[in-house]
PDB file of N, CA and C in Angstrom:
ATOM      1  N   MET A   1      41.830 -35.885 -12.940  1.00  0.00           N
ATOM      2  CA  MET A   1      40.319 -36.080 -12.720  1.00  0.00           C
ATOM      3  C   MET A   1      40.138 -37.461 -11.951  1.00  0.00           C
ATOM      4  N   THR A   2      38.929 -37.314 -11.359  1.00  0.00           N
ATOM      5  CA  THR A   2      38.612 -38.563 -10.521  1.00  0.00           C
ATOM      6  C   THR A   2      37.731 -39.459 -11.635  1.00  0.00           C
ATOM      7  N   LYS A   3      37.765 -40.689 -11.131  1.00  0.00           N
ATOM      8  CA  LYS A   3      37.048 -41.752 -11.954  1.00  0.00           C
ATOM      9  C   LYS A   3      35.612 -41.109 -12.320  1.00  0.00           C
ATOM     10  N   ALA A   4      35.018 -40.611 -11.339  1.00  0.00           N
ATOM     11  CA  ALA A   4      33.521 -40.172 -11.587  1.00  0.00           C
ATOM     12  C   ALA A   4      33.383 -38.940 -12.534  1.00  0.00           C
ATOM     13  N   GLU A   5      34.483 -38.053 -12.485  1.00  0.00           N
ATOM     14  CA  GLU A   5      34.541 -36.952 -13.409  1.00  0.00           C
ATOM     15  C   GLU A   5      34.961 -37.432 -14.795  1.00  0.00           C
ATOM     16  N   LEU A   6      35.736 -38.523 -14.927  1.00  0.00           N
ATOM     17  CA  LEU A   6      35.974 -39.040 -16.256  1.00  0.00           C
ATOM     18  C   LEU A   6      34.936 -39.590 -16.820  1.00  0.00           C
ATOM     19  N   GLU A   7      34.152 -40.496 -16.000  1.00  0.00           N
ATOM     20  CA  GLU A   7      33.011 -41.018 -16.556  1.00  0.00           C
ATOM     21  C   GLU A   7      31.804 -40.014 -16.965  1.00  0.00           C
ATOM     22  N   ASN A   8      31.708 -38.998 -16.313  1.00  0.00           N
ATOM     23  CA  ASN A   8      30.797 -37.809 -16.503  1.00  0.00           C
ATOM     24  C   ASN A   8      31.156 -37.156 -17.923  1.00  0.00           C
ATOM     25  N   LYS A   9      32.355 -36.926 -18.128  1.00  0.00           N
ATOM     26  CA  LYS A   9      32.942 -36.516 -19.187  1.00  0.00           C
ATOM     27  C   LYS A   9      32.709 -37.414 -20.232  1.00  0.00           C
ATOM     28  N   ILE A  10      33.004 -38.556 -20.188  1.00  0.00           N
ATOM     29  CA  ILE A  10      32.849 -39.655 -21.345  1.00  0.00           C
ATOM     30  C   ILE A  10      31.276 -39.559 -21.670  1.00  0.00           C
ATOM     31  N   ALA A  11      30.668 -39.792 -20.688  1.00  0.00           N
ATOM     32  CA  ALA A  11      28.919 -39.793 -21.101  1.00  0.00           C
ATOM     33  C   ALA A  11      28.567 -38.435 -21.930  1.00  0.00           C
ATOM     34  N   THR A  12      29.085 -37.226 -21.378  1.00  0.00           N
ATOM     35  CA  THR A  12      28.830 -36.068 -22.028  1.00  0.00           C
ATOM     36  C   THR A  12      29.372 -35.929 -23.611  1.00  0.00           C
ATOM     37  N   LEU A  13      30.592 -36.573 -23.784  1.00  0.00           N
ATOM     38  CA  LEU A  13      31.189 -36.565 -25.055  1.00  0.00           C
ATOM     39  C   LEU A  13      30.342 -37.643 -25.867  1.00  0.00           C
ATOM     40  N   LYS A  14      29.876 -38.613 -25.327  1.00  0.00           N
ATOM     41  CA  LYS A  14      29.158 -39.547 -26.144  1.00  0.00           C
ATOM     42  C   LYS A  14      27.687 -39.002 -26.636  1.00  0.00           C
ATOM     43  N   MET A  15      27.227 -37.962 -25.831  1.00  0.00           N
ATOM     44  CA  MET A  15      25.946 -37.536 -26.163  1.00  0.00           C
ATOM     45  C   MET A  15      26.092 -36.367 -27.348  1.00  0.00           C
ATOM     46  N   ASP A  16      27.188 -35.619 -26.812  1.00  0.00           N
ATOM     47  CA  ASP A  16      27.597 -34.630 -28.107  1.00  0.00           C
ATOM     48  C   ASP A  16      27.791 -35.319 -29.191  1.00  0.00           C
ATOM     49  N   TYR A  17      28.446 -36.387 -29.276  1.00  0.00           N
ATOM     50  CA  TYR A  17      28.812 -37.271 -30.474  1.00  0.00           C
ATOM     51  C   TYR A  17      27.613 -37.440 -31.351  1.00  0.00           C
ATOM     52  N   ILE A  18      26.658 -37.986 -30.556  1.00  0.00           N
ATOM     53  CA  ILE A  18      25.450 -38.570 -31.163  1.00  0.00           C
ATOM     54  C   ILE A  18      24.515 -37.510 -31.632  1.00  0.00           C
ATOM     55  N   ARG A  19      24.618 -36.233 -30.949  1.00  0.00           N
ATOM     56  CA  ARG A  19      23.785 -35.164 -31.491  1.00  0.00           C
ATOM     57  C   ARG A  19      24.415 -34.589 -32.709  1.00  0.00           C
ATOM     58  N   ILE A  20      25.660 -34.413 -32.736  1.00  0.00           N
ATOM     59  CA  ILE A  20      26.485 -33.924 -33.923  1.00  0.00           C
ATOM     60  C   ILE A  20      26.213 -34.845 -35.174  1.00  0.00           C
ATOM     61  N   GLN A  21      26.360 -36.310 -34.600  1.00  0.00           N
ATOM     62  CA  GLN A  21      26.108 -37.060 -35.745  1.00  0.00           C
ATOM     63  C   GLN A  21      24.719 -36.940 -36.639  1.00  0.00           C
ATOM     64  N   GLY A  22      23.762 -36.812 -35.720  1.00  0.00           N
ATOM     65  CA  GLY A  22      22.415 -36.423 -36.262  1.00  0.00           C
ATOM     66  C   GLY A  22      22.349 -35.383 -37.153  1.00  0.00           C
ATOM     67  N   ASP A  23      23.045 -34.242 -36.523  1.00  0.00           N
ATOM     68  CA  ASP A  23      23.012 -32.892 -37.322  1.00  0.00           C
ATOM     69  C   ASP A  23      23.878 -33.108 -38.607  1.00  0.00           C
ATOM     70  N   MET A  24      24.862 -33.984 -38.568  1.00  0.00           N
ATOM     71  CA  MET A  24      25.681 -34.331 -39.914  1.00  0.00           C
ATOM     72  C   MET A  24      24.627 -34.913 -40.846  1.00  0.00           C
ATOM     73  N   GLU A  25      23.848 -35.953 -40.381  1.00  0.00           N
ATOM     74  CA  GLU A  25      22.998 -36.599 -41.411  1.00  0.00           C
ATOM     75  C   GLU A  25      21.994 -35.643 -42.035  1.00  0.00           C
ATOM     76  N   LYS A  26      21.525 -34.714 -41.041  1.00  0.00           N
ATOM     77  CA  LYS A  26      20.439 -33.758 -41.641  1.00  0.00           C
ATOM     78  C   LYS A  26      21.274 -32.800 -42.734  1.00  0.00           C
ATOM     79  N   LEU A  27      22.288 -32.543 -42.571  1.00  0.00           N
ATOM     80  CA  LEU A  27      23.108 -31.603 -43.408  1.00  0.00           C
ATOM     81  C   LEU A  27      23.477 -32.363 -44.862  1.00  0.00           C
ATOM     82  N   GLU A  28      23.911 -33.642 -44.756  1.00  0.00           N
ATOM     83  CA  GLU A  28      24.066 -34.367 -45.886  1.00  0.00           C
ATOM     84  C   GLU A  28      22.846 -34.618 -46.707  1.00  0.00           C
ATOM     85  N   SER A  29      21.507 -34.777 -45.993  1.00  0.00           N
ATOM     86  CA  SER A  29      20.201 -35.102 -46.629  1.00  0.00           C
ATOM     87  C   SER A  29      20.133 -33.834 -47.350  1.00  0.00           C
ATOM     88  N   VAL A  30      20.217 -32.774 -47.318  1.00  0.00           N
ATOM     89  CA  VAL A  30      19.977 -31.565 -48.000  1.00  0.00           C
ATOM     90  C   VAL A  30      21.243 -31.117 -48.826  1.00  0.00           C
ATOM     91  N   GLY A  31      22.414 -31.865 -48.937  1.00  0.00           N
ATOM     92  CA  GLY A  31      23.472 -31.552 -49.842  1.00  0.00           C
ATOM     93  C   GLY A  31      24.322 -30.586 -49.553  1.00  0.00           C
ATOM     94  N   ARG A  32      24.296 -30.335 -48.024  1.00  0.00           N
ATOM     95  CA  ARG A  32      25.308 -29.484 -47.550  1.00  0.00           C
ATOM     96  C   ARG A  32      26.750 -29.938 -47.291  1.00  0.00           C
ATOM     97  N   ASN A  33      27.522 -29.122 -47.222  1.00  0.00           N
ATOM     98  CA  ASN A  33      29.064 -29.720 -46.842  1.00  0.00           C
ATOM     99  C   ASN A  33      28.933 -30.173 -45.402  1.00  0.00           C
ATOM    100  N   VAL A  34      29.621 -31.150 -45.093  1.00  0.00           N
ATOM    101  CA  VAL A  34      29.713 -31.732 -43.677  1.00  0.00           C
ATOM    102  C   VAL A  34      31.267 -31.963 -43.336  1.00  0.00           C
ATOM    103  N   GLU A  35      32.202 -31.325 -44.157  1.00  0.00           N
ATOM    104  CA  GLU A  35      33.648 -31.522 -43.679  1.00  0.00           C
ATOM    105  C   GLU A  35      33.803 -30.980 -42.267  1.00  0.00           C
ATOM    106  N   ALA A  36      33.385 -29.650 -41.932  1.00  0.00           N
ATOM    107  CA  ALA A  36      33.656 -29.153 -40.592  1.00  0.00           C
ATOM    108  C   ALA A  36      32.998 -30.174 -39.513  1.00  0.00           C
ATOM    109  N   THR A  37      31.837 -30.499 -39.763  1.00  0.00           N
ATOM    110  CA  THR A  37      31.079 -31.548 -38.871  1.00  0.00           C
ATOM    111  C   THR A  37      31.967 -32.668 -38.346  1.00  0.00           C
ATOM    112  N   GLU A  38      32.513 -33.356 -39.861  1.00  0.00           N
ATOM    113  CA  GLU A  38      33.352 -34.444 -39.694  1.00  0.00           C
ATOM    114  C   GLU A  38      34.338 -34.243 -38.646  1.00  0.00           C
ATOM    115  N   ARG A  39      35.141 -32.937 -38.812  1.00  0.00           N
ATOM    116  CA  ARG A  39      36.302 -32.757 -38.036  1.00  0.00           C
ATOM    117  C   ARG A  39      35.952 -32.621 -36.559  1.00  0.00           C
ATOM    118  N   VAL A  40      34.877 -32.190 -36.315  1.00  0.00           N
ATOM    119  CA  VAL A  40      34.336 -32.085 -34.868  1.00  0.00           C
ATOM    120  C   VAL A  40      34.054 -33.637 -34.277  1.00  0.00           C
ATOM    121  N   LEU A  41      33.674 -34.509 -35.215  1.00  0.00           N
ATOM    122  CA  LEU A  41      33.569 -35.726 -34.698  1.00  0.00           C
ATOM    123  C   LEU A  41      34.882 -36.382 -34.385  1.00  0.00           C
ATOM    124  N   ILE A  42      35.733 -36.116 -35.370  1.00  0.00           N
ATOM    125  CA  ILE A  42      37.119 -36.676 -35.032  1.00  0.00           C
ATOM    126  C   ILE A  42      37.538 -36.347 -33.842  1.00  0.00           C
ATOM    127  N   GLN A  43      37.515 -34.855 -33.496  1.00  0.00           N
ATOM    128  CA  GLN A  43      38.047 -34.328 -32.388  1.00  0.00           C
ATOM    129  C   GLN A  43      37.421 -34.941 -31.018  1.00  0.00           C
ATOM    130  N   ILE A  44      36.040 -35.264 -31.321  1.00  0.00           N
ATOM    131  CA  ILE A  44      35.271 -35.994 -30.053  1.00  0.00           C
ATOM    132  C   ILE A  44      35.919 -37.325 -29.892  1.00  0.00           C
ATOM    133  N   GLU A  45      36.253 -37.853 -31.035  1.00  0.00           N
ATOM    134  CA  GLU A  45      36.669 -39.175 -30.758  1.00  0.00           C
ATOM    135  C   GLU A  45      38.122 -39.373 -30.326  1.00  0.00           C
ATOM    136  N   GLU A  46      38.794 -38.438 -30.546  1.00  0.00           N
ATOM    137  CA  GLU A  46      40.133 -38.543 -29.913  1.00  0.00           C
ATOM    138  C   GLU A  46      40.158 -38.023 -28.539  1.00  0.00           C
ATOM    139  N   GLU A  47      39.243 -37.161 -28.049  1.00  0.00           N
ATOM    140  CA  GLU A  47      38.856 -36.960 -26.538  1.00  0.00           C
ATOM    141  C   GLU A  47      38.436 -38.215 -25.991  1.00  0.00           C
ATOM    142  N   LEU A  48      37.682 -38.764 -26.482  1.00  0.00           N
ATOM    143  CA  LEU A  48      37.086 -39.820 -25.714  1.00  0.00           C
ATOM    144  C   LEU A  48      38.118 -41.032 -25.541  1.00  0.00           C
ATOM    145  N   LYS A  49      39.037 -41.154 -26.688  1.00  0.00           N
ATOM    146  CA  LYS A  49      40.056 -42.271 -26.680  1.00  0.00           C
ATOM    147  C   LYS A  49      40.825 -41.825 -25.366  1.00  0.00           C
ATOM    148  N   GLU A  50      41.188 -40.599 -25.134  1.00  0.00           N
ATOM    149  CA  GLU A  50      42.106 -40.070 -24.077  1.00  0.00           C
ATOM    150  C   GLU A  50      41.456 -40.330 -22.787  1.00  0.00           C
ATOM    151  N   CYS A  51      40.161 -39.914 -22.742  1.00  0.00           N
ATOM    152  CA  CYS A  51      39.348 -40.241 -21.494  1.00  0.00           C
ATOM    153  C   CYS A  51      39.269 -41.593 -21.007  1.00  0.00           C
ATOM    154  N   ASN A  52      39.192 -42.336 -22.121  1.00  0.00           N
ATOM    155  CA  ASN A  52      39.108 -43.997 -21.570  1.00  0.00           C
ATOM    156  C   ASN A  52      40.460 -44.319 -21.306  1.00  0.00           C
ATOM    157  N   GLN A  53      41.459 -43.798 -21.866  1.00  0.00           N
ATOM    158  CA  GLN A  53      42.688 -44.362 -21.471  1.00  0.00           C
ATOM    159  C   GLN A  53      43.157 -43.790 -19.994  1.00  0.00           C
ATOM    160  N   GLN A  54      42.623 -42.770 -19.731  1.00  0.00           N
ATOM    161  CA  GLN A  54      42.828 -42.179 -18.248  1.00  0.00           C
ATOM    162  C   GLN A  54      41.961 -42.832 -17.301  1.00  0.00           C
ATOM    163  N   LEU A  55      40.726 -43.275 -17.759  1.00  0.00           N
ATOM    164  CA  LEU A  55      39.760 -44.090 -16.954  1.00  0.00           C
ATOM    165  C   LEU A  55      40.456 -45.534 -16.672  1.00  0.00           C
ATOM    166  N   ALA A  56      41.103 -46.223 -17.606  1.00  0.00           N
ATOM    167  CA  ALA A  56      41.764 -47.403 -17.486  1.00  0.00           C
ATOM    168  C   ALA A  56      42.896 -47.370 -16.532  1.00  0.00           C
ATOM    169  N   LYS A  57      43.582 -46.146 -16.205  1.00  0.00           N
ATOM    170  CA  LYS A  57      44.492 -46.073 -15.284  1.00  0.00           C
ATOM    171  C   LYS A  57      43.983 -45.842 -13.952  1.00  0.00           C
ATOM    172  N   CYS A  58      42.822 -45.347 -13.778  1.00  0.00           N
ATOM    173  CA  CYS A  58      42.297 -45.111 -12.442  1.00  0.00           C
ATOM    174  C   CYS A  58      42.150 -46.278 -11.588  1.00  0.00           C
ATOM    175  N   PRO A  59      42.257 -46.133 -10.491  1.00  0.00           N
ATOM    176  CA  PRO A  59      42.029 -47.185  -9.438  1.00  0.00           C
ATOM    177  C   PRO A  59      40.667 -47.413  -9.210  1.00  0.00           C
ATOM    178  N   SER A  60      40.266 -48.868  -9.042  1.00  0.00           N
ATOM    179  CA  SER A  60      38.675 -49.143  -9.063  1.00  0.00           C
ATOM    180  C   SER A  60      38.210 -48.661  -7.803  1.00  0.00           C
TER     181      SER A  60
END
């Protein structure tokens, strides 16, 4: 992936993370189970970590 592609992917993942985090808060407020949502957030965090590592290796 190019640097621009990685930056776009990171931005998209961050937006998804924020949206899902909001959804999780809504679920919690009505007493729903949030385990599946937490797993999705963990997956996004791992993907962000990988993308940031790749981005650090890209030439400026």
